């Protein structure tokens, strides 16, 4: 028995049914989920438990040896039980998919998990998009894609057009799914929680997978189910930092149903130093170290993300969201401590 066999048959039922309706109609689906949304679990469930609809094959892009077209094509061929010498040309993939479709009357759906990996290489992204679009056009309505990313694709690309009609923003689990997840946690830890405790965990986490797990871990270690105390526990604090360090936009937070999340929005009971994430602290330290000096966006991005390659085109957006959150935390009275200098950057004034 695999881990997927333990999942309830109705897991993420609303999302699964939406995906099946789309791919059964020959359409592609984009799953957009912020940090901790459980995108890989949904993709894995589709690959291993869903037996209706087209044939699903799954590629986890994080497992590719390189973020290039040939590695992706080789991984798809591997899932189709086809061996090909590298580099894999598009023609070889077309032939393999054509053969697979003859044995799959309901079509073929390629699940591309963690597709963000390819957005880190702007130079090769256009070619990849063009190849995947060409592949889809070769087998229109019989070959479909389901991709998972943390942010939507660039809307200006022709590849993104495939997903306009079917974009799912992944939020919290249903009460039924969350209860199953909590019970699995209890079973592993040999715990017995009351129904009231389970409902309280769900309410505090809103069923959001990473927060749900964090609240379970914190409560199992003795932390009471109180927002302020949970936020100060290491398990919950780490998940909160991971969530905010990805710099989610207000729009994506709203679309994910997290705008009023108890653990992500509450700030009471903590000091400024405790509630700042690592990225926010890095930004504040740099601004304070250059007080009354106009810091360019490029300087701030380098200071905050010195070793990380962000998704192309999202650097400015990430910085803007980070500044917005930092302002809310250190300047609730709106005294303009962090000034925006249009066209130039930001300046910190104490």
C-alpha atoms as a PDB file:
ATOM      1  CA  UNK A   1       0.000   0.000   0.000  1.00  0.00           C
ATOM      2  CA  UNK A   2       1.373   3.400  -0.983  1.00  0.00           C
ATOM      3  CA  UNK A   3       0.906   6.624   0.956  1.00  0.00           C
ATOM      4  CA  UNK A   4      -1.635   7.719  -1.658  1.00  0.00           C
ATOM      5  CA  UNK A   5      -3.882   4.750  -0.833  1.00  0.00           C
ATOM      6  CA  UNK A   6      -4.425   6.248   2.627  1.00  0.00           C
ATOM      7  CA  UNK A   7      -6.016   9.398   1.229  1.00  0.00           C
ATOM      8  CA  UNK A   8      -9.827   9.541   1.298  1.00  0.00           C
ATOM      9  CA  UNK A   9     -11.394   9.023  -2.116  1.00  0.00           C
ATOM     10  CA  UNK A  10     -13.021  12.461  -1.848  1.00  0.00           C
ATOM     11  CA  UNK A  11      -9.758  14.304  -1.100  1.00  0.00           C
ATOM     12  CA  UNK A  12      -9.858  17.861  -2.560  1.00  0.00           C
ATOM     13  CA  UNK A  13     -13.048  16.723  -4.277  1.00  0.00           C
ATOM     14  CA  UNK A  14     -14.084  20.178  -5.506  1.00  0.00           C
ATOM     15  CA  UNK A  15     -10.696  20.834  -7.087  1.00  0.00           C
ATOM     16  CA  UNK A  16     -10.379  17.300  -8.507  1.00  0.00           C
ATOM     17  CA  UNK A  17     -13.799  17.471 -10.134  1.00  0.00           C
ATOM     18  CA  UNK A  18     -13.014  20.874 -11.662  1.00  0.00           C
ATOM     19  CA  UNK A  19      -9.783  19.494 -13.091  1.00  0.00           C
ATOM     20  CA  UNK A  20     -11.482  16.388 -14.470  1.00  0.00           C
ATOM     21  CA  UNK A  21     -14.211  18.435 -16.163  1.00  0.00           C
ATOM     22  CA  UNK A  22     -11.550  20.542 -17.849  1.00  0.00           C
ATOM     23  CA  UNK A  23      -9.200  17.797 -19.027  1.00  0.00           C
ATOM     24  CA  UNK A  24     -12.128  15.602 -20.130  1.00  0.00           C
ATOM     25  CA  UNK A  25     -13.048  18.499 -22.412  1.00  0.00           C
ATOM     26  CA  UNK A  26      -9.508  18.672 -23.752  1.00  0.00           C
ATOM     27  CA  UNK A  27      -8.591  21.810 -21.781  1.00  0.00           C
ATOM     28  CA  UNK A  28      -5.526  22.603 -19.670  1.00  0.00           C
ATOM     29  CA  UNK A  29      -5.501  23.587 -15.982  1.00  0.00           C
ATOM     30  CA  UNK A  30      -3.259  25.849 -13.899  1.00  0.00           C
ATOM     31  CA  UNK A  31      -3.102  25.181 -10.148  1.00  0.00           C
ATOM     32  CA  UNK A  32      -1.806  28.277  -8.368  1.00  0.00           C
ATOM     33  CA  UNK A  33      -0.979  27.789  -4.708  1.00  0.00           C
ATOM     34  CA  UNK A  34       1.065  29.888  -2.299  1.00  0.00           C
ATOM     35  CA  UNK A  35       3.698  28.390  -0.021  1.00  0.00           C
ATOM     36  CA  UNK A  36       2.239  25.504   1.954  1.00  0.00           C
ATOM     37  CA  UNK A  37      -0.974  25.150  -0.068  1.00  0.00           C
ATOM     38  CA  UNK A  38      -0.476  21.433  -0.765  1.00  0.00           C
ATOM     39  CA  UNK A  39      -0.041  21.633  -4.546  1.00  0.00           C
ATOM     40  CA  UNK A  40       2.138  18.535  -4.717  1.00  0.00           C
ATOM     41  CA  UNK A  41      -0.359  16.527  -2.673  1.00  0.00           C
ATOM     42  CA  UNK A  42      -3.112  17.386  -5.131  1.00  0.00           C
ATOM     43  CA  UNK A  43      -0.899  16.547  -8.126  1.00  0.00           C
ATOM     44  CA  UNK A  44       0.154  13.285  -6.477  1.00  0.00           C
ATOM     45  CA  UNK A  45      -3.463  12.375  -5.747  1.00  0.00           C
ATOM     46  CA  UNK A  46      -4.394  12.957  -9.386  1.00  0.00           C
ATOM     47  CA  UNK A  47      -1.492  10.818 -10.563  1.00  0.00           C
ATOM     48  CA  UNK A  48      -2.002   7.894  -8.193  1.00  0.00           C
ATOM     49  CA  UNK A  49      -5.659   7.776  -7.201  1.00  0.00           C
ATOM     50  CA  UNK A  50      -7.792   9.217  -9.977  1.00  0.00           C
ATOM     51  CA  UNK A  51      -8.743   6.464 -12.403  1.00  0.00           C
ATOM     52  CA  UNK A  52     -11.432   8.244 -14.406  1.00  0.00           C
ATOM     53  CA  UNK A  53     -10.693  10.633 -17.231  1.00  0.00           C
ATOM     54  CA  UNK A  54      -7.467  10.648 -19.276  1.00  0.00           C
ATOM     55  CA  UNK A  55      -4.268   8.815 -18.495  1.00  0.00           C
ATOM     56  CA  UNK A  56      -2.268  10.929 -16.062  1.00  0.00           C
ATOM     57  CA  UNK A  57       1.520  11.013 -16.062  1.00  0.00           C
ATOM     58  CA  UNK A  58       3.384  13.107 -13.507  1.00  0.00           C
ATOM     59  CA  UNK A  59       6.698  14.963 -13.661  1.00  0.00           C
ATOM     60  CA  UNK A  60       8.069  16.705 -10.565  1.00  0.00           C
ATOM     61  CA  UNK A  61      10.186  19.476 -12.067  1.00  0.00           C
ATOM     62  CA  UNK A  62      12.274  19.720  -8.888  1.00  0.00           C
ATOM     63  CA  UNK A  63      13.612  16.231  -9.605  1.00  0.00           C
ATOM     64  CA  UNK A  64      14.967  17.138 -13.030  1.00  0.00           C
ATOM     65  CA  UNK A  65      18.778  17.154 -13.316  1.00  0.00           C
ATOM     66  CA  UNK A  66      18.612  20.547 -15.066  1.00  0.00           C
ATOM     67  CA  UNK A  67      15.951  23.165 -15.751  1.00  0.00           C
ATOM     68  CA  UNK A  68      16.019  22.687 -19.507  1.00  0.00           C
ATOM     69  CA  UNK A  69      13.746  21.401 -22.239  1.00  0.00           C
ATOM     70  CA  UNK A  70      15.672  18.212 -22.885  1.00  0.00           C
ATOM     71  CA  UNK A  71      15.532  17.168 -19.211  1.00  0.00           C
ATOM     72  CA  UNK A  72      11.775  17.787 -19.129  1.00  0.00           C
ATOM     73  CA  UNK A  73      11.200  15.864 -22.362  1.00  0.00           C
ATOM     74  CA  UNK A  74      13.333  12.973 -21.085  1.00  0.00           C
ATOM     75  CA  UNK A  75      11.299  12.853 -17.865  1.00  0.00           C
ATOM     76  CA  UNK A  76       8.028  12.751 -19.826  1.00  0.00           C
ATOM     77  CA  UNK A  77       9.375   9.961 -22.024  1.00  0.00           C
ATOM     78  CA  UNK A  78      10.476   8.051 -18.922  1.00  0.00           C
ATOM     79  CA  UNK A  79       6.913   8.213 -17.585  1.00  0.00           C
ATOM     80  CA  UNK A  80       5.759   6.820 -20.950  1.00  0.00           C
ATOM     81  CA  UNK A  81       8.303   3.974 -20.618  1.00  0.00           C
ATOM     82  CA  UNK A  82      10.305   5.272 -23.588  1.00  0.00           C
ATOM     83  CA  UNK A  83      14.089   5.512 -23.538  1.00  0.00           C
ATOM     84  CA  UNK A  84      15.726   8.190 -25.701  1.00  0.00           C
ATOM     85  CA  UNK A  85      19.245   9.529 -25.991  1.00  0.00           C
ATOM     86  CA  UNK A  86      19.876  13.088 -24.815  1.00  0.00           C
ATOM     87  CA  UNK A  87      19.253  15.716 -25.965  1.00  0.00           C
ATOM     88  CA  UNK A  88      15.653  14.736 -26.614  1.00  0.00           C
ATOM     89  CA  UNK A  89      14.189  16.451 -29.695  1.00  0.00           C
ATOM     90  CA  UNK A  90      10.571  17.556 -29.862  1.00  0.00           C
ATOM     91  CA  UNK A  91      10.010  15.099 -32.706  1.00  0.00           C
ATOM     92  CA  UNK A  92      10.824  12.130 -30.433  1.00  0.00           C
ATOM     93  CA  UNK A  93       8.312  13.324 -27.862  1.00  0.00           C
ATOM     94  CA  UNK A  94       5.638  13.799 -30.510  1.00  0.00           C
ATOM     95  CA  UNK A  95       6.145  10.222 -31.699  1.00  0.00           C
ATOM     96  CA  UNK A  96       5.976   8.818 -28.150  1.00  0.00           C
ATOM     97  CA  UNK A  97       2.844  10.753 -27.257  1.00  0.00           C
ATOM     98  CA  UNK A  98       1.195   9.755 -30.517  1.00  0.00           C
ATOM     99  CA  UNK A  99       1.820   6.110 -29.669  1.00  0.00           C
ATOM    100  CA  UNK A 100       0.562   6.551 -26.097  1.00  0.00           C
ATOM    101  CA  UNK A 101      -2.636   8.202 -27.286  1.00  0.00           C
ATOM    102  CA  UNK A 102      -3.467   5.175 -29.433  1.00  0.00           C
ATOM    103  CA  UNK A 103      -3.643   3.179 -26.185  1.00  0.00           C
ATOM    104  CA  UNK A 104      -5.414   5.921 -24.209  1.00  0.00           C
ATOM    105  CA  UNK A 105      -8.800   6.607 -25.829  1.00  0.00           C
ATOM    106  CA  UNK A 106      -9.715   9.225 -23.204  1.00  0.00           C
ATOM    107  CA  UNK A 107      -6.555  11.218 -23.828  1.00  0.00           C
ATOM    108  CA  UNK A 108      -3.289  11.926 -22.060  1.00  0.00           C
ATOM    109  CA  UNK A 109      -2.735  14.537 -19.332  1.00  0.00           C
ATOM    110  CA  UNK A 110       0.778  15.584 -18.317  1.00  0.00           C
ATOM    111  CA  UNK A 111       0.978  16.781 -14.722  1.00  0.00           C
ATOM    112  CA  UNK A 112       3.856  19.245 -14.266  1.00  0.00           C
ATOM    113  CA  UNK A 113       4.438  19.799 -10.574  1.00  0.00           C
ATOM    114  CA  UNK A 114       6.598  22.709  -9.315  1.00  0.00           C
ATOM    115  CA  UNK A 115       6.695  24.231 -12.791  1.00  0.00           C
ATOM    116  CA  UNK A 116       8.139  27.417 -11.226  1.00  0.00           C
ATOM    117  CA  UNK A 117      11.568  25.894 -11.728  1.00  0.00           C
ATOM    118  CA  UNK A 118      11.512  26.865 -15.395  1.00  0.00           C
ATOM    119  CA  UNK A 119      10.506  30.443 -14.735  1.00  0.00           C
ATOM    120  CA  UNK A 120      13.923  31.020 -13.162  1.00  0.00           C
ATOM    121  CA  UNK A 121      15.565  30.859 -16.600  1.00  0.00           C
ATOM    122  CA  UNK A 122      14.145  33.722 -18.700  1.00  0.00           C
ATOM    123  CA  UNK A 123      16.460  32.924 -21.614  1.00  0.00           C
ATOM    124  CA  UNK A 124      15.092  29.426 -22.118  1.00  0.00           C
ATOM    125  CA  UNK A 125      11.542  30.090 -21.010  1.00  0.00           C
ATOM    126  CA  UNK A 126      10.214  31.327 -24.338  1.00  0.00           C
ATOM    127  CA  UNK A 127      11.590  28.288 -26.172  1.00  0.00           C
ATOM    128  CA  UNK A 128      10.097  25.953 -23.578  1.00  0.00           C
ATOM    129  CA  UNK A 129       6.719  27.660 -23.809  1.00  0.00           C
ATOM    130  CA  UNK A 130       6.808  27.468 -27.607  1.00  0.00           C
ATOM    131  CA  UNK A 131       7.695  23.767 -27.560  1.00  0.00           C
ATOM    132  CA  UNK A 132       4.983  22.871 -25.063  1.00  0.00           C
ATOM    133  CA  UNK A 133       2.452  24.913 -27.029  1.00  0.00           C
ATOM    134  CA  UNK A 134       3.515  23.211 -30.278  1.00  0.00           C
ATOM    135  CA  UNK A 135       3.202  19.808 -28.626  1.00  0.00           C
ATOM    136  CA  UNK A 136      -0.281  20.636 -27.420  1.00  0.00           C
ATOM    137  CA  UNK A 137      -1.290  21.943 -30.881  1.00  0.00           C
ATOM    138  CA  UNK A 138      -0.085  18.681 -32.419  1.00  0.00           C
ATOM    139  CA  UNK A 139      -2.578  16.759 -30.260  1.00  0.00           C
ATOM    140  CA  UNK A 140      -5.225  19.388 -29.613  1.00  0.00           C
ATOM    141  CA  UNK A 141      -7.955  18.275 -27.176  1.00  0.00           C
ATOM    142  CA  UNK A 142      -6.391  14.837 -26.669  1.00  0.00           C
ATOM    143  CA  UNK A 143      -3.215  16.050 -24.904  1.00  0.00           C
ATOM    144  CA  UNK A 144      -3.661  18.348 -21.905  1.00  0.00           C
ATOM    145  CA  UNK A 145      -1.475  19.862 -19.191  1.00  0.00           C
ATOM    146  CA  UNK A 146      -2.067  20.447 -15.495  1.00  0.00           C
ATOM    147  CA  UNK A 147       0.674  22.631 -14.027  1.00  0.00           C
ATOM    148  CA  UNK A 148       1.266  23.736 -10.450  1.00  0.00           C
ATOM    149  CA  UNK A 149       3.003  27.024  -9.636  1.00  0.00           C
ATOM    150  CA  UNK A 150       3.170  29.548  -6.821  1.00  0.00           C
ATOM    151  CA  UNK A 151       2.236  32.389  -9.161  1.00  0.00           C
ATOM    152  CA  UNK A 152       0.279  32.543 -12.413  1.00  0.00           C
ATOM    153  CA  UNK A 153       2.169  32.310 -15.687  1.00  0.00           C
ATOM    154  CA  UNK A 154       3.077  35.426 -17.625  1.00  0.00           C
ATOM    155  CA  UNK A 155      -0.222  36.343 -19.257  1.00  0.00           C
ATOM    156  CA  UNK A 156       1.507  37.714 -22.362  1.00  0.00           C
ATOM    157  CA  UNK A 157       2.744  34.289 -23.490  1.00  0.00           C
ATOM    158  CA  UNK A 158       0.784  32.091 -25.893  1.00  0.00           C
ATOM    159  CA  UNK A 159       1.408  29.149 -23.581  1.00  0.00           C
ATOM    160  CA  UNK A 160      -0.443  30.932 -20.748  1.00  0.00           C
ATOM    161  CA  UNK A 161      -3.487  31.245 -23.023  1.00  0.00           C
ATOM    162  CA  UNK A 162      -4.038  27.508 -22.591  1.00  0.00           C
ATOM    163  CA  UNK A 163      -4.896  28.049 -18.921  1.00  0.00           C
ATOM    164  CA  UNK A 164      -6.985  31.236 -18.946  1.00  0.00           C
ATOM    165  CA  UNK A 165     -10.290  29.380 -18.689  1.00  0.00           C
ATOM    166  CA  UNK A 166      -9.168  26.994 -15.938  1.00  0.00           C
ATOM    167  CA  UNK A 167      -7.051  28.481 -13.157  1.00  0.00           C
ATOM    168  CA  UNK A 168      -7.551  27.081  -9.662  1.00  0.00           C
ATOM    169  CA  UNK A 169      -6.268  29.066  -6.677  1.00  0.00           C
ATOM    170  CA  UNK A 170      -5.580  26.497  -3.983  1.00  0.00           C
ATOM    171  CA  UNK A 171      -6.708  27.448  -0.489  1.00  0.00           C
ATOM    172  CA  UNK A 172      -7.644  25.542   2.637  1.00  0.00           C
ATOM    173  CA  UNK A 173      -8.859  21.968   2.882  1.00  0.00           C
ATOM    174  CA  UNK A 174     -12.500  21.178   3.492  1.00  0.00           C
ATOM    175  CA  UNK A 175     -13.463  20.290   7.065  1.00  0.00           C
ATOM    176  CA  UNK A 176     -13.706  16.638   6.015  1.00  0.00           C
ATOM    177  CA  UNK A 177     -10.210  16.581   4.489  1.00  0.00           C
ATOM    178  CA  UNK A 178      -8.724  18.581   7.360  1.00  0.00           C
ATOM    179  CA  UNK A 179     -10.273  16.218   9.907  1.00  0.00           C
ATOM    180  CA  UNK A 180      -8.752  13.253   8.084  1.00  0.00           C
ATOM    181  CA  UNK A 181      -5.347  14.998   8.094  1.00  0.00           C
ATOM    182  CA  UNK A 182      -5.589  15.789  11.814  1.00  0.00           C
ATOM    183  CA  UNK A 183      -6.588  12.197  12.562  1.00  0.00           C
ATOM    184  CA  UNK A 184      -3.595  10.940  10.579  1.00  0.00           C
ATOM    185  CA  UNK A 185      -1.356  13.161  12.692  1.00  0.00           C
ATOM    186  CA  UNK A 186      -2.962  11.885  15.894  1.00  0.00           C
ATOM    187  CA  UNK A 187      -2.476   8.298  14.798  1.00  0.00           C
ATOM    188  CA  UNK A 188       1.224   8.805  14.055  1.00  0.00           C
ATOM    189  CA  UNK A 189       1.779  10.544  17.400  1.00  0.00           C
ATOM    190  CA  UNK A 190      -0.506   8.158  19.347  1.00  0.00           C
ATOM    191  CA  UNK A 191      -2.659  11.066  20.523  1.00  0.00           C
ATOM    192  CA  UNK A 192      -6.367  11.307  21.213  1.00  0.00           C
ATOM    193  CA  UNK A 193      -7.953  14.724  20.722  1.00  0.00           C
ATOM    194  CA  UNK A 194     -11.603  15.563  21.277  1.00  0.00           C
ATOM    195  CA  UNK A 195     -13.889  16.638  18.464  1.00  0.00           C
ATOM    196  CA  UNK A 196     -13.831  20.154  19.935  1.00  0.00           C
ATOM    197  CA  UNK A 197     -10.035  20.218  19.697  1.00  0.00           C
ATOM    198  CA  UNK A 198     -10.123  19.059  16.085  1.00  0.00           C
ATOM    199  CA  UNK A 199     -12.640  21.774  15.205  1.00  0.00           C
ATOM    200  CA  UNK A 200     -10.532  24.396  16.988  1.00  0.00           C
ATOM    201  CA  UNK A 201      -7.428  23.341  15.028  1.00  0.00           C
ATOM    202  CA  UNK A 202      -9.399  23.640  11.814  1.00  0.00           C
ATOM    203  CA  UNK A 203     -10.750  27.074  12.728  1.00  0.00           C
ATOM    204  CA  UNK A 204      -7.318  28.425  13.680  1.00  0.00           C
ATOM    205  CA  UNK A 205      -5.604  27.050  10.567  1.00  0.00           C
ATOM    206  CA  UNK A 206      -8.586  27.546   8.227  1.00  0.00           C
ATOM    207  CA  UNK A 207      -7.582  24.157   6.859  1.00  0.00           C
ATOM    208  CA  UNK A 208      -4.551  25.626   5.098  1.00  0.00           C
ATOM    209  CA  UNK A 209      -2.239  22.588   4.863  1.00  0.00           C
ATOM    210  CA  UNK A 210       1.029  24.036   6.200  1.00  0.00           C
ATOM    211  CA  UNK A 211      -0.757  25.903   9.000  1.00  0.00           C
ATOM    212  CA  UNK A 212      -2.867  22.855   9.817  1.00  0.00           C
ATOM    213  CA  UNK A 213       0.249  20.745  10.270  1.00  0.00           C
ATOM    214  CA  UNK A 214       1.990  23.503  12.244  1.00  0.00           C
ATOM    215  CA  UNK A 215      -0.914  23.929  14.675  1.00  0.00           C
ATOM    216  CA  UNK A 216      -1.034  20.156  15.192  1.00  0.00           C
ATOM    217  CA  UNK A 217       2.705  20.090  15.921  1.00  0.00           C
ATOM    218  CA  UNK A 218       2.502  23.039  18.287  1.00  0.00           C
ATOM    219  CA  UNK A 219      -0.494  21.682  20.203  1.00  0.00           C
ATOM    220  CA  UNK A 220       1.085  18.232  20.437  1.00  0.00           C
ATOM    221  CA  UNK A 221       4.078  19.885  22.155  1.00  0.00           C
ATOM    222  CA  UNK A 222       1.811  21.522  24.726  1.00  0.00           C
ATOM    223  CA  UNK A 223       0.991  24.898  23.173  1.00  0.00           C
ATOM    224  CA  UNK A 224      -2.624  25.926  23.886  1.00  0.00           C
ATOM    225  CA  UNK A 225      -4.947  26.666  20.997  1.00  0.00           C
ATOM    226  CA  UNK A 226      -4.652  30.434  21.385  1.00  0.00           C
ATOM    227  CA  UNK A 227      -3.603  32.592  18.429  1.00  0.00           C
ATOM    228  CA  UNK A 228      -0.883  34.628  20.169  1.00  0.00           C
ATOM    229  CA  UNK A 229       0.695  31.598  21.823  1.00  0.00           C
ATOM    230  CA  UNK A 230       0.579  29.554  18.635  1.00  0.00           C
ATOM    231  CA  UNK A 231       2.260  32.333  16.643  1.00  0.00           C
ATOM    232  CA  UNK A 232       5.138  32.338  19.134  1.00  0.00           C
ATOM    233  CA  UNK A 233       5.687  28.572  18.879  1.00  0.00           C
ATOM    234  CA  UNK A 234       8.582  27.495  16.662  1.00  0.00           C
ATOM    235  CA  UNK A 235       6.417  25.214  14.497  1.00  0.00           C
ATOM    236  CA  UNK A 236       3.918  27.922  13.577  1.00  0.00           C
ATOM    237  CA  UNK A 237       6.417  30.779  13.419  1.00  0.00           C
ATOM    238  CA  UNK A 238       8.564  28.890  10.905  1.00  0.00           C
ATOM    239  CA  UNK A 239       5.573  28.216   8.613  1.00  0.00           C
ATOM    240  CA  UNK A 240       4.511  31.873   8.833  1.00  0.00           C
ATOM    241  CA  UNK A 241       8.009  33.033   7.842  1.00  0.00           C
ATOM    242  CA  UNK A 242       8.107  30.587   4.941  1.00  0.00           C
ATOM    243  CA  UNK A 243       4.753  31.891   3.734  1.00  0.00           C
ATOM    244  CA  UNK A 244       5.702  35.586   3.837  1.00  0.00           C
ATOM    245  CA  UNK A 245       9.230  35.115   2.502  1.00  0.00           C
ATOM    246  CA  UNK A 246       7.706  34.118  -0.821  1.00  0.00           C
ATOM    247  CA  UNK A 247       6.288  37.679  -1.003  1.00  0.00           C
ATOM    248  CA  UNK A 248       2.710  36.795  -1.988  1.00  0.00           C
ATOM    249  CA  UNK A 249       0.679  39.638  -3.450  1.00  0.00           C
ATOM    250  CA  UNK A 250      -2.500  40.881  -1.795  1.00  0.00           C
ATOM    251  CA  UNK A 251      -4.452  39.664  -4.829  1.00  0.00           C
ATOM    252  CA  UNK A 252      -3.128  36.102  -4.559  1.00  0.00           C
ATOM    253  CA  UNK A 253      -3.761  36.033  -0.816  1.00  0.00           C
ATOM    254  CA  UNK A 254      -7.363  37.072  -1.440  1.00  0.00           C
ATOM    255  CA  UNK A 255      -7.862  34.593  -4.284  1.00  0.00           C
ATOM    256  CA  UNK A 256      -6.550  31.848  -1.992  1.00  0.00           C
ATOM    257  CA  UNK A 257      -9.087  32.771   0.703  1.00  0.00           C
ATOM    258  CA  UNK A 258      -6.406  33.746   3.224  1.00  0.00           C
ATOM    259  CA  UNK A 259      -7.063  37.469   3.654  1.00  0.00           C
ATOM    260  CA  UNK A 260      -8.441  37.012   7.200  1.00  0.00           C
ATOM    261  CA  UNK A 261      -6.406  34.018   8.290  1.00  0.00           C
ATOM    262  CA  UNK A 262      -6.069  34.089  12.124  1.00  0.00           C
ATOM    263  CA  UNK A 263      -2.391  33.113  12.153  1.00  0.00           C
ATOM    264  CA  UNK A 264      -1.256  35.086   9.120  1.00  0.00           C
ATOM    265  CA  UNK A 265      -2.997  38.361   9.951  1.00  0.00           C
ATOM    266  CA  UNK A 266      -2.802  38.611  13.746  1.00  0.00           C
ATOM    267  CA  UNK A 267       0.023  40.697  15.172  1.00  0.00           C
ATOM    268  CA  UNK A 268      -0.873  41.181  18.800  1.00  0.00           C
ATOM    269  CA  UNK A 269       1.344  39.978  21.619  1.00  0.00           C
ATOM    270  CA  UNK A 270       4.650  40.132  19.747  1.00  0.00           C
ATOM    271  CA  UNK A 271       7.407  42.654  19.557  1.00  0.00           C
ATOM    272  CA  UNK A 272       8.622  44.174  16.304  1.00  0.00           C
ATOM    273  CA  UNK A 273      11.735  41.970  16.296  1.00  0.00           C
ATOM    274  CA  UNK A 274       9.679  38.820  16.922  1.00  0.00           C
ATOM    275  CA  UNK A 275       7.102  39.453  14.229  1.00  0.00           C
ATOM    276  CA  UNK A 276       9.484  40.445  11.432  1.00  0.00           C
ATOM    277  CA  UNK A 277      10.291  37.659   8.991  1.00  0.00           C
ATOM    278  CA  UNK A 278      13.900  37.103   7.939  1.00  0.00           C
ATOM    279  CA  UNK A 279      13.365  39.013   4.684  1.00  0.00           C
ATOM    280  CA  UNK A 280      11.625  41.904   6.435  1.00  0.00           C
ATOM    281  CA  UNK A 281      14.435  42.161   8.987  1.00  0.00           C
ATOM    282  CA  UNK A 282      17.055  42.123   6.227  1.00  0.00           C
ATOM    283  CA  UNK A 283      15.265  44.942   4.442  1.00  0.00           C
ATOM    284  CA  UNK A 284      14.832  46.990   7.615  1.00  0.00           C
ATOM    285  CA  UNK A 285      18.483  46.517   8.622  1.00  0.00           C
ATOM    286  CA  UNK A 286      19.636  47.725   5.223  1.00  0.00           C
ATOM    287  CA  UNK A 287      17.329  50.755   5.254  1.00  0.00           C
ATOM    288  CA  UNK A 288      18.367  51.704   8.792  1.00  0.00           C
ATOM    289  CA  UNK A 289      22.004  51.345   7.792  1.00  0.00           C
ATOM    290  CA  UNK A 290      21.388  53.873   4.985  1.00  0.00           C
ATOM    291  CA  UNK A 291      19.125  56.278   6.859  1.00  0.00           C
ATOM    292  CA  UNK A 292      18.089  59.379   4.886  1.00  0.00           C
ATOM    293  CA  UNK A 293      19.729  57.913   1.776  1.00  0.00           C
ATOM    294  CA  UNK A 294      17.715  56.976  -1.305  1.00  0.00           C
ATOM    295  CA  UNK A 295      18.208  53.248  -1.803  1.00  0.00           C
ATOM    296  CA  UNK A 296      17.524  52.015  -5.327  1.00  0.00           C
ATOM    297  CA  UNK A 297      15.359  48.963  -5.945  1.00  0.00           C
ATOM    298  CA  UNK A 298      18.381  47.121  -7.319  1.00  0.00           C
ATOM    299  CA  UNK A 299      20.368  47.790  -4.129  1.00  0.00           C
ATOM    300  CA  UNK A 300      17.530  46.615  -1.926  1.00  0.00           C
ATOM    301  CA  UNK A 301      16.887  43.477  -3.978  1.00  0.00           C
ATOM    302  CA  UNK A 302      20.577  42.562  -3.773  1.00  0.00           C
ATOM    303  CA  UNK A 303      20.581  43.175  -0.022  1.00  0.00           C
ATOM    304  CA  UNK A 304      17.433  41.149   0.674  1.00  0.00           C
ATOM    305  CA  UNK A 305      17.940  38.289  -1.813  1.00  0.00           C
ATOM    306  CA  UNK A 306      21.755  38.109  -2.160  1.00  0.00           C
ATOM    307  CA  UNK A 307      21.944  34.504  -3.350  1.00  0.00           C
ATOM    308  CA  UNK A 308      18.477  33.766  -4.631  1.00  0.00           C
ATOM    309  CA  UNK A 309      17.339  33.956  -8.224  1.00  0.00           C
ATOM    310  CA  UNK A 310      13.749  35.152  -8.184  1.00  0.00           C
ATOM    311  CA  UNK A 311      11.288  34.417 -10.937  1.00  0.00           C
ATOM    312  CA  UNK A 312      11.928  36.748 -13.846  1.00  0.00           C
ATOM    313  CA  UNK A 313       9.799  39.868 -13.798  1.00  0.00           C
ATOM    314  CA  UNK A 314       8.768  39.437 -10.169  1.00  0.00           C
ATOM    315  CA  UNK A 315      11.653  41.165  -8.416  1.00  0.00           C
ATOM    316  CA  UNK A 316       9.988  44.577  -8.305  1.00  0.00           C
ATOM    317  CA  UNK A 317       6.679  43.049  -7.244  1.00  0.00           C
ATOM    318  CA  UNK A 318       8.337  41.038  -4.480  1.00  0.00           C
ATOM    319  CA  UNK A 319      10.112  44.118  -3.164  1.00  0.00           C
ATOM    320  CA  UNK A 320       6.944  46.222  -3.314  1.00  0.00           C
ATOM    321  CA  UNK A 321       5.000  43.645  -1.296  1.00  0.00           C
ATOM    322  CA  UNK A 322       7.850  43.316   1.202  1.00  0.00           C
ATOM    323  CA  UNK A 323       7.999  47.095   1.740  1.00  0.00           C
ATOM    324  CA  UNK A 324       4.214  47.180   2.159  1.00  0.00           C
ATOM    325  CA  UNK A 325       4.289  44.520   4.884  1.00  0.00           C
ATOM    326  CA  UNK A 326       7.242  46.129   6.644  1.00  0.00           C
ATOM    327  CA  UNK A 327       5.452  49.480   6.714  1.00  0.00           C
ATOM    328  CA  UNK A 328       2.394  47.877   8.297  1.00  0.00           C
ATOM    329  CA  UNK A 329       4.522  46.384  11.049  1.00  0.00           C
ATOM    330  CA  UNK A 330       6.927  49.197  11.955  1.00  0.00           C
ATOM    331  CA  UNK A 331       4.805  52.214  11.102  1.00  0.00           C
ATOM    332  CA  UNK A 332       1.155  51.513  12.045  1.00  0.00           C
ATOM    333  CA  UNK A 333       0.564  55.224  12.639  1.00  0.00           C
ATOM    334  CA  UNK A 334       1.502  55.951   8.990  1.00  0.00           C
ATOM    335  CA  UNK A 335       4.206  58.508   9.796  1.00  0.00           C
ATOM    336  CA  UNK A 336       5.954  57.774   6.501  1.00  0.00           C
ATOM    337  CA  UNK A 337       9.083  56.166   7.941  1.00  0.00           C
ATOM    338  CA  UNK A 338       9.722  54.411   4.636  1.00  0.00           C
ATOM    339  CA  UNK A 339       9.291  56.906   1.833  1.00  0.00           C
ATOM    340  CA  UNK A 340       8.722  55.903  -1.772  1.00  0.00           C
ATOM    341  CA  UNK A 341      10.837  57.955  -4.153  1.00  0.00           C
ATOM    342  CA  UNK A 342       9.098  57.526  -7.545  1.00  0.00           C
ATOM    343  CA  UNK A 343      11.371  56.156 -10.239  1.00  0.00           C
ATOM    344  CA  UNK A 344      14.297  55.803  -7.836  1.00  0.00           C
ATOM    345  CA  UNK A 345      13.600  53.618  -4.801  1.00  0.00           C
ATOM    346  CA  UNK A 346      12.988  54.073  -1.081  1.00  0.00           C
ATOM    347  CA  UNK A 347      14.327  56.172   1.794  1.00  0.00           C
ATOM    348  CA  UNK A 348      14.165  55.443   5.515  1.00  0.00           C
ATOM    349  CA  UNK A 349      13.590  58.286   7.944  1.00  0.00           C
ATOM    350  CA  UNK A 350      13.411  57.637  11.675  1.00  0.00           C
END
